[in-house]
Amino acid sequence: MPAEQHVSTPRSRRVIVAAVIVSGGRVLACERSAPPEVAGRWEFPGGKVEPGESDAEALARECTEELGVRVEVGARVGPDVPLAHGRAVLRVFAVTLLNGDEPRALEHTAMRWLAADELDSVPWLPADKPIVAELPALLAGDRPA
């Protein structure tokens, strides 16, 4: 199922996109290195959608910048998560790694592949917690990454 083609415009609410990368029944989690108030918390990799970019384009760019991987953006995971008192929204997508690419922590302190029973073993950022709740079913289906 292709990713939704929302395109950010300067006047629209800020959109943050994030990737759920599943491989071997585990999901990739990344430890933030900055800013100080969130350093040491865990998240799904991603970032801001820039004006004129679709959600999928932004997520593919962010995966290259943060993890050094090329991806195919797939279906949404979970609902939009409001951020910044409603001034921004987090949209999460399942992504597939392409061409045998292996993620590297280029902008994060650490990375871990977590199984369903390990999801609570890291301190997630509050915005990612609703998505974490969706993962056991996704991991049980074990879509290859």
C-alpha atoms as a PDB file:
ATOM      1  CA  MET A   1       0.000   0.000   0.000  1.00  0.00           C
ATOM      2  CA  PRO A   2       1.646   3.312  -1.011  1.00  0.00           C
ATOM      3  CA  ALA A   3       2.272   6.069   1.506  1.00  0.00           C
ATOM      4  CA  GLU A   4      -0.173   8.944   1.653  1.00  0.00           C
ATOM      5  CA  GLN A   5       0.921  11.851  -0.485  1.00  0.00           C
ATOM      6  CA  HIS A   6       0.369  14.753   1.895  1.00  0.00           C
ATOM      7  CA  VAL A   7       2.496  17.660   0.759  1.00  0.00           C
ATOM      8  CA  SER A   8       3.582  20.219   3.332  1.00  0.00           C
ATOM      9  CA  THR A   9       2.949  23.884   2.654  1.00  0.00           C
ATOM     10  CA  PRO A  10       4.300  26.834   4.644  1.00  0.00           C
ATOM     11  CA  ARG A  11       0.912  27.557   6.295  1.00  0.00           C
ATOM     12  CA  SER A  12       0.012  23.991   7.216  1.00  0.00           C
ATOM     13  CA  ARG A  13       0.624  22.445  10.610  1.00  0.00           C
ATOM     14  CA  ARG A  14       4.202  21.129  10.958  1.00  0.00           C
ATOM     15  CA  VAL A  15       4.361  17.427  10.081  1.00  0.00           C
ATOM     16  CA  ILE A  16       6.968  15.121  11.584  1.00  0.00           C
ATOM     17  CA  VAL A  17       7.336  11.698   9.950  1.00  0.00           C
ATOM     18  CA  ALA A  18       8.885   8.601  11.480  1.00  0.00           C
ATOM     19  CA  ALA A  19       9.800   5.117  10.274  1.00  0.00           C
ATOM     20  CA  VAL A  20       8.878   1.759  11.741  1.00  0.00           C
ATOM     21  CA  ILE A  21      11.498  -0.616  10.349  1.00  0.00           C
ATOM     22  CA  VAL A  22      10.738  -4.281  11.110  1.00  0.00           C
ATOM     23  CA  SER A  23      13.138  -7.136  10.482  1.00  0.00           C
ATOM     24  CA  GLY A  24      13.148 -10.641  11.900  1.00  0.00           C
ATOM     25  CA  GLY A  25      10.263  -9.916  14.261  1.00  0.00           C
ATOM     26  CA  ARG A  26      12.036  -6.875  15.730  1.00  0.00           C
ATOM     27  CA  VAL A  27      11.622  -3.130  15.297  1.00  0.00           C
ATOM     28  CA  LEU A  28      14.417  -0.575  15.100  1.00  0.00           C
ATOM     29  CA  ALA A  29      14.557   1.929  17.974  1.00  0.00           C
ATOM     30  CA  CYS A  30      17.003   4.844  18.098  1.00  0.00           C
ATOM     31  CA  GLU A  31      18.366   6.719  21.134  1.00  0.00           C
ATOM     32  CA  ARG A  32      18.291  10.516  20.854  1.00  0.00           C
ATOM     33  CA  SER A  33      21.580  12.348  21.346  1.00  0.00           C
ATOM     34  CA  ALA A  34      20.105  15.879  21.376  1.00  0.00           C
ATOM     35  CA  PRO A  35      18.632  18.251  22.393  1.00  0.00           C
ATOM     36  CA  PRO A  36      19.498  17.815  26.087  1.00  0.00           C
ATOM     37  CA  GLU A  37      15.865  17.599  27.253  1.00  0.00           C
ATOM     38  CA  VAL A  38      15.294  14.434  25.177  1.00  0.00           C
ATOM     39  CA  ALA A  39      18.812  12.971  25.017  1.00  0.00           C
ATOM     40  CA  GLY A  40      18.744   9.357  26.184  1.00  0.00           C
ATOM     41  CA  ARG A  41      15.086   8.868  25.194  1.00  0.00           C
ATOM     42  CA  TRP A  42      14.195   6.473  22.376  1.00  0.00           C
ATOM     43  CA  GLU A  43      12.288   7.129  19.172  1.00  0.00           C
ATOM     44  CA  PHE A  44      11.551   5.923  15.685  1.00  0.00           C
ATOM     45  CA  PRO A  45      13.883   7.597  13.169  1.00  0.00           C
ATOM     46  CA  GLY A  46      12.519  10.460  11.101  1.00  0.00           C
ATOM     47  CA  GLY A  47      12.110  14.209  11.070  1.00  0.00           C
ATOM     48  CA  LYS A  48      10.348  17.265   9.693  1.00  0.00           C
ATOM     49  CA  VAL A  49       8.548  17.370   6.358  1.00  0.00           C
ATOM     50  CA  GLU A  50       9.921  20.378   4.489  1.00  0.00           C
ATOM     51  CA  PRO A  51       7.662  22.651   2.386  1.00  0.00           C
ATOM     52  CA  GLY A  52       6.898  21.021  -0.960  1.00  0.00           C
ATOM     53  CA  GLU A  53       7.828  17.494   0.210  1.00  0.00           C
ATOM     54  CA  SER A  54       5.364  14.649   0.532  1.00  0.00           C
ATOM     55  CA  ASP A  55       5.406  12.620   3.748  1.00  0.00           C
ATOM     56  CA  ALA A  56       7.038   9.737   1.863  1.00  0.00           C
ATOM     57  CA  GLU A  57       9.727  11.937   0.288  1.00  0.00           C
ATOM     58  CA  ALA A  58      10.605  13.446   3.661  1.00  0.00           C
ATOM     59  CA  LEU A  59      10.780  10.061   5.363  1.00  0.00           C
ATOM     60  CA  ALA A  60      13.005   8.604   2.650  1.00  0.00           C
ATOM     61  CA  ARG A  61      15.315  11.637   2.968  1.00  0.00           C
ATOM     62  CA  GLU A  62      15.399  11.391   6.773  1.00  0.00           C
ATOM     63  CA  CYS A  63      16.217   7.657   6.671  1.00  0.00           C
ATOM     64  CA  THR A  64      19.158   8.398   4.373  1.00  0.00           C
ATOM     65  CA  GLU A  65      20.390  11.254   6.588  1.00  0.00           C
ATOM     66  CA  GLU A  66      19.907   9.534   9.971  1.00  0.00           C
ATOM     67  CA  LEU A  67      20.548   5.869   9.145  1.00  0.00           C
ATOM     68  CA  GLY A  68      22.385   5.816   5.822  1.00  0.00           C
ATOM     69  CA  VAL A  69      19.703   3.604   4.256  1.00  0.00           C
ATOM     70  CA  ARG A  70      17.386   3.707   1.273  1.00  0.00           C
ATOM     71  CA  VAL A  71      13.783   2.767   2.004  1.00  0.00           C
ATOM     72  CA  GLU A  72      10.411   2.193   0.445  1.00  0.00           C
ATOM     73  CA  VAL A  73       7.704   3.927   2.456  1.00  0.00           C
ATOM     74  CA  GLY A  74       4.614   1.805   3.047  1.00  0.00           C
ATOM     75  CA  ALA A  75       1.416   1.945   5.073  1.00  0.00           C
ATOM     76  CA  ARG A  76       0.655   4.212   8.020  1.00  0.00           C
ATOM     77  CA  VAL A  77       1.176   2.810  11.512  1.00  0.00           C
ATOM     78  CA  GLY A  78      -1.230   4.153  14.120  1.00  0.00           C
ATOM     79  CA  PRO A  79      -3.028   7.494  14.130  1.00  0.00           C
ATOM     80  CA  ASP A  80      -1.633  11.010  13.816  1.00  0.00           C
ATOM     81  CA  VAL A  81      -0.098  11.957  17.183  1.00  0.00           C
ATOM     82  CA  PRO A  82      -0.542  15.627  18.149  1.00  0.00           C
ATOM     83  CA  LEU A  83       2.690  17.429  19.140  1.00  0.00           C
ATOM     84  CA  ALA A  84       3.628  20.900  20.406  1.00  0.00           C
ATOM     85  CA  HIS A  85       0.162  21.733  21.747  1.00  0.00           C
ATOM     86  CA  GLY A  86      -1.418  20.954  18.373  1.00  0.00           C
ATOM     87  CA  ARG A  87       1.046  22.982  16.293  1.00  0.00           C
ATOM     88  CA  ALA A  88       2.595  19.801  14.872  1.00  0.00           C
ATOM     89  CA  VAL A  89       1.633  16.200  14.181  1.00  0.00           C
ATOM     90  CA  LEU A  90       3.610  12.946  14.093  1.00  0.00           C
ATOM     91  CA  ARG A  91       2.829  10.516  11.255  1.00  0.00           C
ATOM     92  CA  VAL A  92       4.455   7.093  11.351  1.00  0.00           C
ATOM     93  CA  PHE A  93       4.891   4.731   8.412  1.00  0.00           C
ATOM     94  CA  ALA A  94       6.107   1.176   7.984  1.00  0.00           C
ATOM     95  CA  VAL A  95       9.189   1.228   5.775  1.00  0.00           C
ATOM     96  CA  THR A  96      11.147  -1.456   3.982  1.00  0.00           C
ATOM     97  CA  LEU A  97      14.928  -1.335   3.703  1.00  0.00           C
ATOM     98  CA  LEU A  98      16.110  -1.515   0.085  1.00  0.00           C
ATOM     99  CA  ASN A  99      19.075  -3.218  -1.556  1.00  0.00           C
ATOM    100  CA  GLY A 100      20.281  -4.966   1.600  1.00  0.00           C
ATOM    101  CA  ASP A 101      20.981  -1.627   3.324  1.00  0.00           C
ATOM    102  CA  GLU A 102      21.788  -1.905   7.049  1.00  0.00           C
ATOM    103  CA  PRO A 103      20.945   1.027   9.360  1.00  0.00           C
ATOM    104  CA  ARG A 104      23.803   2.875  11.057  1.00  0.00           C
ATOM    105  CA  ALA A 105      23.470   5.339  13.960  1.00  0.00           C
ATOM    106  CA  LEU A 106      24.653   8.456  12.095  1.00  0.00           C
ATOM    107  CA  GLU A 107      22.697  10.941  14.238  1.00  0.00           C
ATOM    108  CA  HIS A 108      21.700   8.834  17.246  1.00  0.00           C
ATOM    109  CA  THR A 109      23.661   7.715  20.301  1.00  0.00           C
ATOM    110  CA  ALA A 110      22.598   4.081  19.843  1.00  0.00           C
ATOM    111  CA  MET A 111      20.206   1.765  18.006  1.00  0.00           C
ATOM    112  CA  ARG A 112      18.528  -1.444  19.113  1.00  0.00           C
ATOM    113  CA  TRP A 113      16.335  -4.026  17.413  1.00  0.00           C
ATOM    114  CA  LEU A 114      13.493  -4.748  19.870  1.00  0.00           C
ATOM    115  CA  ALA A 115      11.191  -7.778  19.939  1.00  0.00           C
ATOM    116  CA  ALA A 116       7.594  -7.376  21.142  1.00  0.00           C
ATOM    117  CA  ASP A 117       8.537  -8.421  24.690  1.00  0.00           C
ATOM    118  CA  GLU A 118      11.367  -5.841  24.747  1.00  0.00           C
ATOM    119  CA  LEU A 119       9.354  -2.767  23.717  1.00  0.00           C
ATOM    120  CA  ASP A 120       9.135  -1.532  27.311  1.00  0.00           C
ATOM    121  CA  SER A 121      12.892  -1.945  27.893  1.00  0.00           C
ATOM    122  CA  VAL A 122      13.738   1.571  26.674  1.00  0.00           C
ATOM    123  CA  PRO A 123      12.379   4.985  27.735  1.00  0.00           C
ATOM    124  CA  TRP A 124      10.363   6.082  24.667  1.00  0.00           C
ATOM    125  CA  LEU A 125       9.631   9.696  23.861  1.00  0.00           C
ATOM    126  CA  PRO A 126       6.003  10.432  24.829  1.00  0.00           C
ATOM    127  CA  ALA A 127       4.987  11.016  21.188  1.00  0.00           C
ATOM    128  CA  ASP A 128       6.193   7.540  20.191  1.00  0.00           C
ATOM    129  CA  LYS A 129       4.326   5.657  22.937  1.00  0.00           C
ATOM    130  CA  PRO A 130       0.989   5.444  21.028  1.00  0.00           C
ATOM    131  CA  ILE A 131       2.884   3.909  18.111  1.00  0.00           C
ATOM    132  CA  VAL A 132       4.705   1.460  20.389  1.00  0.00           C
ATOM    133  CA  ALA A 133       1.256   0.238  21.480  1.00  0.00           C
ATOM    134  CA  GLU A 134       0.506  -0.686  17.837  1.00  0.00           C
ATOM    135  CA  LEU A 135       3.695  -2.707  17.367  1.00  0.00           C
ATOM    136  CA  PRO A 136       2.954  -6.121  18.913  1.00  0.00           C
ATOM    137  CA  ALA A 137       0.427  -6.884  16.154  1.00  0.00           C
ATOM    138  CA  LEU A 138       2.803  -5.594  13.468  1.00  0.00           C
ATOM    139  CA  LEU A 139       5.698  -7.623  14.853  1.00  0.00           C
ATOM    140  CA  ALA A 140       3.540 -10.747  15.003  1.00  0.00           C
ATOM    141  CA  GLY A 141       2.955 -10.329  11.249  1.00  0.00           C
ATOM    142  CA  ASP A 142       6.734  -9.872  10.805  1.00  0.00           C
ATOM    143  CA  ARG A 143       6.779  -7.983   7.550  1.00  0.00           C
ATOM    144  CA  PRO A 144      10.309  -8.275   6.213  1.00  0.00           C
ATOM    145  CA  ALA A 145      12.355  -5.097   6.179  1.00  0.00           C
END
